Amino acid sequence: MAKEIWKPGNMLYPLPVVMVSVANGNGKNNIITLAWVGTVCSEPPMVSVSVRPERYSYGILKETGEFVINLVTKDLTFATDYCGVKSGRDVDKFREMGLTALPGENVKAPLIGESPVNIECSVREIKPLGSHDMFIADVLAVHADKKYMDGNHKFHLDKADPIVYSHGTYFCCGEELGTFGYSVRKKG
């Protein structure tokens, strides 16, 4: 197997792509698209988002210490891309993309109504790391769209057609290949 050696870089692809919503101290909402987002801890529930300091939302995140991670779907791909390439300094992304800003339970940052899952977050720590600063945050609440719940109260995100990001391209998630632990389950 021939391999090619590349300079060091991040090759952890595909990544979840999300729209992160914020609101400044004056109540002006904004959305930033991020793919550098991850789970930090399950108990207590914590996440991270990494943002370049020159981004408009960076100052709002630092000022308020609050944000909402909004999972995105195939239907939200255009808005996801737009919110990643346009600056909130210049445009109202909620208005331009026809997105619904809903109030959160614990934060002033809005939820995106069209998102199947909204995760309210409060910043615990900011770690300057180079090109990006990592905002490590506690999860305060999770909102899940009821239309993706089944009769047993199980959430089916796959029915929303979630998307991922890889090297500048958005992809819709594919078919189920197995469930956790299937490789060691007894065949019966």
Protein backbone atom coordinates (compact mmCIF):
# COMPACT_ATOMS: atom_id res chain seq x y z
CA MET A 1 0.00 0.00 0.00
CA ALA A 2 1.64 3.17 -1.16
CA LYS A 3 1.13 6.21 1.08
CA GLU A 4 1.97 9.83 0.43
CA ILE A 5 3.35 11.98 3.27
CA TRP A 6 1.82 15.44 3.70
CA LYS A 7 2.78 18.33 5.92
CA PRO A 8 1.14 18.24 9.36
CA GLY A 9 -2.51 19.23 9.25
CA ASN A 10 -5.93 18.29 10.46
CA MET A 11 -7.25 15.27 8.62
CA LEU A 12 -10.05 14.36 11.00
CA TYR A 13 -12.78 14.43 8.38
CA PRO A 14 -15.69 14.45 7.95
CA LEU A 15 -16.69 16.81 10.73
CA PRO A 16 -20.08 17.80 12.03
CA VAL A 17 -20.96 21.23 10.68
CA VAL A 18 -23.19 23.41 12.84
CA MET A 19 -24.57 26.90 13.01
CA VAL A 20 -23.71 28.59 16.29
CA SER A 21 -26.05 31.39 17.29
CA VAL A 22 -25.08 34.26 19.58
CA ALA A 23 -26.56 37.55 20.76
CA ASN A 24 -24.52 40.57 21.83
CA GLY A 25 -25.25 42.67 24.92
CA ASN A 26 -27.64 44.84 22.89
CA GLY A 27 -29.64 41.80 21.75
CA LYS A 28 -28.30 41.74 18.16
CA ASN A 29 -28.35 38.13 16.95
CA ASN A 30 -25.77 36.49 14.73
CA ILE A 31 -24.96 33.06 13.35
CA ILE A 32 -21.52 31.63 12.66
CA THR A 33 -20.98 28.33 10.85
CA LEU A 34 -18.37 26.11 12.47
CA ALA A 35 -16.97 22.66 11.84
CA TRP A 36 -14.42 22.81 14.65
CA VAL A 37 -16.91 21.68 17.27
CA GLY A 38 -16.81 18.70 19.59
CA THR A 39 -17.81 16.82 22.67
CA VAL A 40 -15.53 17.44 25.64
CA CYS A 41 -17.14 15.50 28.47
CA SER A 42 -20.34 13.58 29.20
CA GLU A 43 -20.49 14.16 32.95
CA PRO A 44 -20.84 17.08 33.32
CA PRO A 45 -22.01 17.57 29.73
CA MET A 46 -19.53 19.86 27.97
CA VAL A 47 -18.73 20.85 24.38
CA SER A 48 -16.18 22.99 22.61
CA VAL A 49 -16.22 25.36 19.67
CA SER A 50 -13.08 26.81 18.12
CA VAL A 51 -13.24 30.28 16.56
CA ARG A 52 -10.69 32.58 14.94
CA PRO A 53 -10.34 35.84 16.93
CA GLU A 54 -10.93 37.96 13.80
CA ARG A 55 -14.43 36.53 13.30
CA TYR A 56 -17.31 38.86 14.21
CA SER A 57 -18.93 36.29 16.53
CA TYR A 58 -15.67 35.83 18.46
CA GLY A 59 -16.13 39.15 20.30
CA ILE A 60 -19.75 38.33 21.10
CA LEU A 61 -18.78 34.91 22.47
CA LYS A 62 -16.10 36.49 24.64
CA GLU A 63 -18.42 39.30 25.80
CA THR A 64 -21.47 37.19 26.68
CA GLY A 65 -20.06 33.73 27.39
CA GLU A 66 -23.17 32.18 25.82
CA PHE A 67 -24.05 30.44 22.58
CA VAL A 68 -26.32 27.83 21.04
CA ILE A 69 -25.09 24.99 18.85
CA ASN A 70 -27.72 24.30 16.18
CA LEU A 71 -27.40 21.03 14.28
CA VAL A 72 -27.96 21.38 10.56
CA THR A 73 -29.70 19.32 7.91
CA LYS A 74 -29.76 18.89 4.17
CA ASP A 75 -32.55 21.51 4.03
CA LEU A 76 -30.31 23.97 5.91
CA THR A 77 -27.19 23.47 3.75
CA PHE A 78 -27.57 26.73 1.82
CA ALA A 79 -28.12 28.74 5.03
CA THR A 80 -25.22 26.91 6.69
CA ASP A 81 -22.86 27.90 3.90
CA TYR A 82 -24.18 31.49 3.74
CA CYS A 83 -23.72 31.96 7.50
CA GLY A 84 -20.14 30.75 7.13
CA VAL A 85 -19.12 33.12 4.35
CA LYS A 86 -21.07 36.30 5.19
CA SER A 87 -20.18 38.44 8.20
CA GLY A 88 -22.70 39.51 10.80
CA ARG A 89 -20.96 42.89 10.67
CA ASP A 90 -22.61 43.36 7.27
CA VAL A 91 -25.85 41.34 7.22
CA ASP A 92 -28.63 40.05 9.46
CA LYS A 93 -28.26 36.34 8.76
CA PHE A 94 -31.54 35.38 10.40
CA ARG A 95 -33.43 37.77 8.12
CA GLU A 96 -31.43 37.03 4.96
CA MET A 97 -31.88 33.26 5.32
CA GLY A 98 -35.47 33.38 6.64
CA LEU A 99 -34.50 31.62 9.85
CA THR A 100 -36.58 31.75 13.02
CA ALA A 101 -34.89 33.03 16.19
CA LEU A 102 -36.47 31.32 19.21
CA PRO A 103 -35.74 32.23 22.83
CA GLY A 104 -33.55 29.92 24.85
CA GLU A 105 -34.39 28.70 28.35
CA ASN A 106 -31.03 29.57 29.94
CA VAL A 107 -29.17 31.86 27.54
CA LYS A 108 -29.91 35.08 25.67
CA ALA A 109 -28.51 33.62 22.45
CA PRO A 110 -31.36 32.49 20.18
CA LEU A 111 -32.12 28.99 19.00
CA ILE A 112 -32.57 28.47 15.26
CA GLY A 113 -36.13 27.16 15.00
CA GLU A 114 -35.46 25.20 11.81
CA SER A 115 -32.67 23.18 13.43
CA PRO A 116 -33.63 19.69 14.69
CA VAL A 117 -31.43 20.04 17.80
CA ASN A 118 -30.37 23.17 19.70
CA ILE A 119 -27.78 22.97 22.49
CA GLU A 120 -27.64 25.89 24.93
CA CYS A 121 -24.12 26.51 26.21
CA SER A 122 -22.32 28.63 28.79
CA VAL A 123 -18.59 29.23 28.37
CA ARG A 124 -16.48 27.78 31.17
CA GLU A 125 -13.02 28.50 29.75
CA ILE A 126 -11.35 30.05 26.71
CA LYS A 127 -8.08 28.49 25.56
CA PRO A 128 -5.96 30.47 23.07
CA LEU A 129 -4.38 27.79 20.87
CA GLY A 130 -2.95 29.50 17.78
CA SER A 131 -5.14 30.30 14.78
CA HIS A 132 -8.27 29.52 16.84
CA ASP A 133 -9.34 29.97 20.44
CA MET A 134 -11.29 27.09 21.94
CA PHE A 135 -14.41 27.95 23.94
CA ILE A 136 -15.07 25.10 26.37
CA ALA A 137 -18.66 25.26 27.55
CA ASP A 138 -21.17 23.59 29.83
CA VAL A 139 -24.33 22.29 28.17
CA LEU A 140 -27.29 23.93 29.93
CA ALA A 141 -30.18 22.50 27.88
CA VAL A 142 -30.89 20.49 24.75
CA HIS A 143 -33.95 21.16 22.60
CA ALA A 144 -35.04 18.35 20.24
CA ASP A 145 -37.67 18.75 17.52
CA LYS A 146 -40.64 16.53 18.38
CA LYS A 147 -41.19 15.56 14.74
CA TYR A 148 -38.10 13.34 14.94
CA MET A 149 -39.31 11.44 18.03
CA ASP A 150 -40.89 8.02 17.77
CA GLY A 151 -43.58 6.48 19.98
CA ASN A 152 -40.92 5.27 22.45
CA HIS A 153 -39.51 8.80 22.86
CA LYS A 154 -36.39 7.87 20.87
CA PHE A 155 -34.91 10.68 18.78
CA HIS A 156 -34.14 9.90 15.11
CA LEU A 157 -31.73 12.58 13.84
CA ASP A 158 -31.17 10.48 10.71
CA LYS A 159 -34.70 11.37 9.58
CA ALA A 160 -33.60 15.04 9.44
CA ASP A 161 -30.82 14.29 6.92
CA PRO A 162 -27.91 15.72 8.96
CA ILE A 163 -24.89 16.97 7.05
CA VAL A 164 -21.13 16.85 7.60
CA TYR A 165 -18.23 18.87 6.21
CA SER A 166 -15.05 17.57 4.57
CA HIS A 167 -12.34 19.64 2.88
CA GLY A 168 -14.68 22.42 1.74
CA THR A 169 -17.59 20.17 0.78
CA TYR A 170 -20.89 19.41 2.52
CA PHE A 171 -22.18 15.83 2.52
CA CYS A 172 -25.45 14.32 3.65
CA CYS A 173 -24.97 11.47 6.13
CA GLY A 174 -25.54 8.04 4.64
CA GLU A 175 -26.98 4.70 5.55
CA GLU A 176 -26.78 3.01 8.95
CA LEU A 177 -23.91 0.53 9.03
CA GLY A 178 -24.34 -0.84 12.54
CA THR A 179 -25.04 0.14 16.11
CA PHE A 180 -22.63 0.48 19.02
CA GLY A 181 -21.42 -2.97 20.09
CA TYR A 182 -22.70 -4.87 17.04
CA SER A 183 -19.24 -6.29 16.38
CA VAL A 184 -19.22 -8.27 19.62
CA ARG A 185 -22.91 -9.19 19.99
CA LYS A 186 -23.71 -12.86 20.09
CA LYS A 187 -25.32 -14.06 16.95
CA GLY A 188 -28.46 -15.80 17.71
